[in-house]
Amino acid sequence: MSAMWAGLLINLLLFVALLLIVMFVLHATIRAAVRNALRDHDAYREEQTQAQAHAQTADRIPSQSET
């Protein structure tokens, strides 16, 4: 009977270890994906800001035909 409990305990410990490994891998994967998405989003917003600033400057500068 005691061997059965020992086997059950070892099996439970192995299951918990496997669960921790899976959680660690998922956490690292999700964290990397979010970090990449935020970096891409920041780059996109920076491009949009530069494009808007360029468009506003182009609106303020008179063209050759207007002068």
PDB file of N, CA and C in Angstrom:
ATOM      1  N   MET A   1       0.827  -1.196   0.000  1.00  0.00           N
ATOM      2  CA  MET A   1       0.000   0.000   0.000  1.00  0.00           C
ATOM      3  C   MET A   1       0.868   1.256   0.000  1.00  0.00           C
ATOM      4  N   SER A   2       1.956   1.181   0.719  1.00  0.00           N
ATOM      5  CA  SER A   2       2.835   2.349   0.807  1.00  0.00           C
ATOM      6  C   SER A   2       3.502   2.637  -0.533  1.00  0.00           C
ATOM      7  N   ALA A   3       3.782   1.590  -1.320  1.00  0.00           N
ATOM      8  CA  ALA A   3       4.394   1.792  -2.632  1.00  0.00           C
ATOM      9  C   ALA A   3       3.418   2.512  -3.565  1.00  0.00           C
ATOM     10  N   MET A   4       2.132   2.242  -3.391  1.00  0.00           N
ATOM     11  CA  MET A   4       1.143   2.905  -4.225  1.00  0.00           C
ATOM     12  C   MET A   4       1.120   4.407  -3.927  1.00  0.00           C
ATOM     13  N   TRP A   5       1.176   4.756  -2.653  1.00  0.00           N
ATOM     14  CA  TRP A   5       1.183   6.177  -2.280  1.00  0.00           C
ATOM     15  C   TRP A   5       2.465   6.866  -2.747  1.00  0.00           C
ATOM     16  N   ALA A   6       3.574   6.158  -2.677  1.00  0.00           N
ATOM     17  CA  ALA A   6       4.845   6.728  -3.143  1.00  0.00           C
ATOM     18  C   ALA A   6       4.788   6.955  -4.652  1.00  0.00           C
ATOM     19  N   GLY A   7       4.239   5.992  -5.376  1.00  0.00           N
ATOM     20  CA  GLY A   7       4.097   6.145  -6.825  1.00  0.00           C
ATOM     21  C   GLY A   7       3.168   7.299  -7.175  1.00  0.00           C
ATOM     22  N   LEU A   8       2.084   7.421  -6.414  1.00  0.00           N
ATOM     23  CA  LEU A   8       1.145   8.515  -6.642  1.00  0.00           C
ATOM     24  C   LEU A   8       1.803   9.870  -6.380  1.00  0.00           C
ATOM     25  N   LEU A   9       2.584   9.943  -5.318  1.00  0.00           N
ATOM     26  CA  LEU A   9       3.273  11.185  -4.986  1.00  0.00           C
ATOM     27  C   LEU A   9       4.305  11.553  -6.057  1.00  0.00           C
ATOM     28  N   ILE A  10       5.062  10.564  -6.517  1.00  0.00           N
ATOM     29  CA  ILE A  10       6.054  10.818  -7.568  1.00  0.00           C
ATOM     30  C   ILE A  10       5.360  11.242  -8.859  1.00  0.00           C
ATOM     31  N   ASN A  11       4.267  10.584  -9.172  1.00  0.00           N
ATOM     32  CA  ASN A  11       3.502  10.938 -10.365  1.00  0.00           C
ATOM     33  C   ASN A  11       2.969  12.368 -10.262  1.00  0.00           C
ATOM     34  N   LEU A  12       2.484  12.740  -9.099  1.00  0.00           N
ATOM     35  CA  LEU A  12       1.978  14.088  -8.882  1.00  0.00           C
ATOM     36  C   LEU A  12       3.096  15.124  -9.006  1.00  0.00           C
ATOM     37  N   LEU A  13       4.262  14.823  -8.453  1.00  0.00           N
ATOM     38  CA  LEU A  13       5.399  15.738  -8.549  1.00  0.00           C
ATOM     39  C   LEU A  13       5.852  15.907  -9.998  1.00  0.00           C
ATOM     40  N   LEU A  14       5.872  14.817 -10.751  1.00  0.00           N
ATOM     41  CA  LEU A  14       6.229  14.908 -12.168  1.00  0.00           C
ATOM     42  C   LEU A  14       5.213  15.743 -12.950  1.00  0.00           C
ATOM     43  N   PHE A  15       3.939  15.569 -12.623  1.00  0.00           N
ATOM     44  CA  PHE A  15       2.892  16.345 -13.282  1.00  0.00           C
ATOM     45  C   PHE A  15       3.033  17.837 -12.980  1.00  0.00           C
ATOM     46  N   VAL A  16       3.313  18.161 -11.718  1.00  0.00           N
ATOM     47  CA  VAL A  16       3.500  19.562 -11.333  1.00  0.00           C
ATOM     48  C   VAL A  16       4.727  20.146 -12.035  1.00  0.00           C
ATOM     49  N   ALA A  17       5.812  19.373 -12.118  1.00  0.00           N
ATOM     50  CA  ALA A  17       7.017  19.851 -12.803  1.00  0.00           C
ATOM     51  C   ALA A  17       6.725  20.105 -14.281  1.00  0.00           C
ATOM     52  N   LEU A  18       6.016  19.199 -14.920  1.00  0.00           N
ATOM     53  CA  LEU A  18       5.655  19.379 -16.327  1.00  0.00           C
ATOM     54  C   LEU A  18       4.761  20.602 -16.505  1.00  0.00           C
ATOM     55  N   LEU A  19       3.816  20.776 -15.598  1.00  0.00           N
ATOM     56  CA  LEU A  19       2.932  21.933 -15.659  1.00  0.00           C
ATOM     57  C   LEU A  19       3.711  23.237 -15.504  1.00  0.00           C
ATOM     58  N   LEU A  20       4.681  23.261 -14.610  1.00  0.00           N
ATOM     59  CA  LEU A  20       5.507  24.455 -14.430  1.00  0.00           C
ATOM     60  C   LEU A  20       6.329  24.762 -15.677  1.00  0.00           C
ATOM     61  N   ILE A  21       6.857  23.726 -16.300  1.00  0.00           N
ATOM     62  CA  ILE A  21       7.636  23.932 -17.530  1.00  0.00           C
ATOM     63  C   ILE A  21       6.750  24.501 -18.637  1.00  0.00           C
ATOM     64  N   VAL A  22       5.563  23.950 -18.799  1.00  0.00           N
ATOM     65  CA  VAL A  22       4.636  24.441 -19.824  1.00  0.00           C
ATOM     66  C   VAL A  22       4.237  25.887 -19.532  1.00  0.00           C
ATOM     67  N   MET A  23       3.984  26.198 -18.261  1.00  0.00           N
ATOM     68  CA  MET A  23       3.629  27.569 -17.897  1.00  0.00           C
ATOM     69  C   MET A  23       4.775  28.529 -18.188  1.00  0.00           C
ATOM     70  N   PHE A  24       6.001  28.117 -17.903  1.00  0.00           N
ATOM     71  CA  PHE A  24       7.166  28.967 -18.156  1.00  0.00           C
ATOM     72  C   PHE A  24       7.326  29.241 -19.647  1.00  0.00           C
ATOM     73  N   VAL A  25       7.176  28.202 -20.460  1.00  0.00           N
ATOM     74  CA  VAL A  25       7.318  28.367 -21.912  1.00  0.00           C
ATOM     75  C   VAL A  25       6.211  29.266 -22.462  1.00  0.00           C
ATOM     76  N   LEU A  26       4.984  29.058 -22.009  1.00  0.00           N
ATOM     77  CA  LEU A  26       3.887  29.908 -22.464  1.00  0.00           C
ATOM     78  C   LEU A  26       4.091  31.356 -22.037  1.00  0.00           C
ATOM     79  N   HIS A  27       4.533  31.551 -20.808  1.00  0.00           N
ATOM     80  CA  HIS A  27       4.776  32.907 -20.313  1.00  0.00           C
ATOM     81  C   HIS A  27       5.844  33.604 -21.149  1.00  0.00           C
ATOM     82  N   ALA A  28       6.936  32.906 -21.434  1.00  0.00           N
ATOM     83  CA  ALA A  28       8.015  33.500 -22.227  1.00  0.00           C
ATOM     84  C   ALA A  28       7.548  33.807 -23.650  1.00  0.00           C
ATOM     85  N   THR A  29       6.762  32.916 -24.234  1.00  0.00           N
ATOM     86  CA  THR A  29       6.272  33.120 -25.597  1.00  0.00           C
ATOM     87  C   THR A  29       5.324  34.310 -25.672  1.00  0.00           C
ATOM     88  N   ILE A  30       4.388  34.374 -24.738  1.00  0.00           N
ATOM     89  CA  ILE A  30       3.426  35.475 -24.735  1.00  0.00           C
ATOM     90  C   ILE A  30       4.132  36.797 -24.456  1.00  0.00           C
ATOM     91  N   ARG A  31       5.082  36.781 -23.537  1.00  0.00           N
ATOM     92  CA  ARG A  31       5.817  38.008 -23.212  1.00  0.00           C
ATOM     93  C   ARG A  31       6.596  38.519 -24.429  1.00  0.00           C
ATOM     94  N   ALA A  32       7.238  37.611 -25.151  1.00  0.00           N
ATOM     95  CA  ALA A  32       7.985  38.014 -26.349  1.00  0.00           C
ATOM     96  C   ALA A  32       7.040  38.545 -27.427  1.00  0.00           C
ATOM     97  N   ALA A  33       5.893  37.910 -27.589  1.00  0.00           N
ATOM     98  CA  ALA A  33       4.939  38.363 -28.603  1.00  0.00           C
ATOM     99  C   ALA A  33       4.405  39.750 -28.272  1.00  0.00           C
ATOM    100  N   VAL A  34       4.096  39.984 -27.005  1.00  0.00           N
ATOM    101  CA  VAL A  34       3.594  41.297 -26.600  1.00  0.00           C
ATOM    102  C   VAL A  34       4.674  42.352 -26.767  1.00  0.00           C
ATOM    103  N   ARG A  35       5.903  42.018 -26.402  1.00  0.00           N
ATOM    104  CA  ARG A  35       7.009  42.971 -26.548  1.00  0.00           C
ATOM    105  C   ARG A  35       7.211  43.343 -28.022  1.00  0.00           C
ATOM    106  N   ASN A  36       7.164  42.351 -28.908  1.00  0.00           N
ATOM    107  CA  ASN A  36       7.316  42.626 -30.343  1.00  0.00           C
ATOM    108  C   ASN A  36       6.151  43.457 -30.878  1.00  0.00           C
ATOM    109  N   ALA A  37       4.949  43.146 -30.424  1.00  0.00           N
ATOM    110  CA  ALA A  37       3.782  43.901 -30.881  1.00  0.00           C
ATOM    111  C   ALA A  37       3.860  45.351 -30.419  1.00  0.00           C
ATOM    112  N   LEU A  38       4.280  45.577 -29.184  1.00  0.00           N
ATOM    113  CA  LEU A  38       4.411  46.946 -28.691  1.00  0.00           C
ATOM    114  C   LEU A  38       5.498  47.703 -29.442  1.00  0.00           C
ATOM    115  N   ARG A  39       6.603  47.028 -29.748  1.00  0.00           N
ATOM    116  CA  ARG A  39       7.674  47.673 -30.498  1.00  0.00           C
ATOM    117  C   ARG A  39       7.192  48.054 -31.898  1.00  0.00           C
ATOM    118  N   ASP A  40       6.474  47.137 -32.558  1.00  0.00           N
ATOM    119  CA  ASP A  40       5.946  47.425 -33.888  1.00  0.00           C
ATOM    120  C   ASP A  40       4.926  48.560 -33.837  1.00  0.00           C
ATOM    121  N   HIS A  41       4.099  48.563 -32.790  1.00  0.00           N
ATOM    122  CA  HIS A  41       3.091  49.610 -32.654  1.00  0.00           C
ATOM    123  C   HIS A  41       3.757  50.967 -32.422  1.00  0.00           C
ATOM    124  N   ASP A  42       4.796  51.000 -31.603  1.00  0.00           N
ATOM    125  CA  ASP A  42       5.522  52.251 -31.373  1.00  0.00           C
ATOM    126  C   ASP A  42       6.161  52.757 -32.663  1.00  0.00           C
ATOM    127  N   ALA A  43       6.731  51.855 -33.448  1.00  0.00           N
ATOM    128  CA  ALA A  43       7.332  52.249 -34.726  1.00  0.00           C
ATOM    129  C   ALA A  43       6.259  52.782 -35.674  1.00  0.00           C
ATOM    130  N   TYR A  44       5.102  52.140 -35.698  1.00  0.00           N
ATOM    131  CA  TYR A  44       4.003  52.595 -36.551  1.00  0.00           C
ATOM    132  C   TYR A  44       3.533  53.988 -36.134  1.00  0.00           C
ATOM    133  N   ARG A  45       3.387  54.204 -34.816  1.00  0.00           N
ATOM    134  CA  ARG A  45       2.951  55.520 -34.345  1.00  0.00           C
ATOM    135  C   ARG A  45       3.984  56.589 -34.645  1.00  0.00           C
ATOM    136  N   GLU A  46       5.259  56.233 -34.545  1.00  0.00           N
ATOM    137  CA  GLU A  46       6.319  57.190 -34.867  1.00  0.00           C
ATOM    138  C   GLU A  46       6.268  57.563 -36.350  1.00  0.00           C
ATOM    139  N   GLU A  47       6.036  56.575 -37.217  1.00  0.00           N
ATOM    140  CA  GLU A  47       5.910  56.853 -38.649  1.00  0.00           C
ATOM    141  C   GLU A  47       4.707  57.751 -38.927  1.00  0.00           C
ATOM    142  N   GLN A  48       3.593  57.483 -38.248  1.00  0.00           N
ATOM    143  CA  GLN A  48       2.401  58.308 -38.447  1.00  0.00           C
ATOM    144  C   GLN A  48       2.642  59.741 -37.985  1.00  0.00           C
ATOM    145  N   THR A  49       3.318  59.910 -36.862  1.00  0.00           N
ATOM    146  CA  THR A  49       3.621  61.242 -36.348  1.00  0.00           C
ATOM    147  C   THR A  49       4.525  61.992 -37.313  1.00  0.00           C
ATOM    148  N   GLN A  50       5.532  61.304 -37.838  1.00  0.00           N
ATOM    149  CA  GLN A  50       6.431  61.951 -38.796  1.00  0.00           C
ATOM    150  C   GLN A  50       5.695  62.309 -40.081  1.00  0.00           C
ATOM    151  N   ALA A  51       4.807  61.437 -40.534  1.00  0.00           N
ATOM    152  CA  ALA A  51       4.049  61.717 -41.755  1.00  0.00           C
ATOM    153  C   ALA A  51       3.127  62.916 -41.548  1.00  0.00           C
ATOM    154  N   GLN A  52       2.494  63.004 -40.381  1.00  0.00           N
ATOM    155  CA  GLN A  52       1.621  64.143 -40.104  1.00  0.00           C
ATOM    156  C   GLN A  52       2.423  65.431 -40.010  1.00  0.00           C
ATOM    157  N   ALA A  53       3.583  65.372 -39.367  1.00  0.00           N
ATOM    158  CA  ALA A  53       4.426  66.561 -39.254  1.00  0.00           C
ATOM    159  C   ALA A  53       4.899  67.003 -40.636  1.00  0.00           C
ATOM    160  N   HIS A  54       5.245  66.045 -41.478  1.00  0.00           N
ATOM    161  CA  HIS A  54       5.690  66.374 -42.835  1.00  0.00           C
ATOM    162  C   HIS A  54       4.541  66.988 -43.644  1.00  0.00           C
ATOM    163  N   ALA A  55       3.342  66.443 -43.481  1.00  0.00           N
ATOM    164  CA  ALA A  55       2.184  66.969 -44.211  1.00  0.00           C
ATOM    165  C   ALA A  55       1.857  68.383 -43.740  1.00  0.00           C
ATOM    166  N   GLN A  56       1.955  68.633 -42.447  1.00  0.00           N
ATOM    167  CA  GLN A  56       1.676  69.974 -41.933  1.00  0.00           C
ATOM    168  C   GLN A  56       2.720  70.969 -42.423  1.00  0.00           C
ATOM    169  N   THR A  57       3.987  70.557 -42.488  1.00  0.00           N
ATOM    170  CA  THR A  57       5.043  71.457 -42.966  1.00  0.00           C
ATOM    171  C   THR A  57       4.831  71.732 -44.449  1.00  0.00           C
ATOM    172  N   ALA A  58       4.435  70.728 -45.201  1.00  0.00           N
ATOM    173  CA  ALA A  58       4.204  70.915 -46.635  1.00  0.00           C
ATOM    174  C   ALA A  58       3.024  71.855 -46.863  1.00  0.00           C
ATOM    175  N   ASP A  59       2.032  71.832 -45.988  1.00  0.00           N
ATOM    176  CA  ASP A  59       0.887  72.738 -46.119  1.00  0.00           C
ATOM    177  C   ASP A  59       1.291  74.182 -45.850  1.00  0.00           C
ATOM    178  N   ARG A  60       2.258  74.394 -44.973  1.00  0.00           N
ATOM    179  CA  ARG A  60       2.665  75.751 -44.603  1.00  0.00           C
ATOM    180  C   ARG A  60       3.611  76.382 -45.614  1.00  0.00           C
ATOM    181  N   ILE A  61       4.375  75.575 -46.341  1.00  0.00           N
ATOM    182  CA  ILE A  61       5.344  76.102 -47.298  1.00  0.00           C
ATOM    183  C   ILE A  61       4.627  76.377 -48.615  1.00  0.00           C
ATOM    184  N   PRO A  62       4.658  77.628 -49.096  1.00  0.00           N
ATOM    185  CA  PRO A  62       3.970  77.909 -50.371  1.00  0.00           C
ATOM    186  C   PRO A  62       4.712  77.265 -51.537  1.00  0.00           C
ATOM    187  N   SER A  63       3.953  76.796 -52.489  1.00  0.00           N
ATOM    188  CA  SER A  63       4.568  76.165 -53.658  1.00  0.00           C
ATOM    189  C   SER A  63       5.086  77.239 -54.607  1.00  0.00           C
ATOM    190  N   GLN A  64       5.821  76.849 -55.621  1.00  0.00           N
ATOM    191  CA  GLN A  64       6.414  77.790 -56.573  1.00  0.00           C
ATOM    192  C   GLN A  64       5.328  78.532 -57.360  1.00  0.00           C
ATOM    193  N   SER A  65       4.205  77.884 -57.628  1.00  0.00           N
ATOM    194  CA  SER A  65       3.153  78.525 -58.415  1.00  0.00           C
ATOM    195  C   SER A  65       2.437  79.613 -57.619  1.00  0.00           C
ATOM    196  N   GLU A  66       2.445  79.520 -56.291  1.00  0.00           N
ATOM    197  CA  GLU A  66       1.763  80.514 -55.468  1.00  0.00           C
ATOM    198  C   GLU A  66       2.595  81.772 -55.290  1.00  0.00           C
ATOM    199  N   THR A  67       3.902  81.708 -55.449  1.00  0.00           N
ATOM    200  CA  THR A  67       4.758  82.878 -55.207  1.00  0.00           C
ATOM    201  C   THR A  67       4.910  83.744 -56.427  1.00  0.00           C
TER     202      THR A  67
END
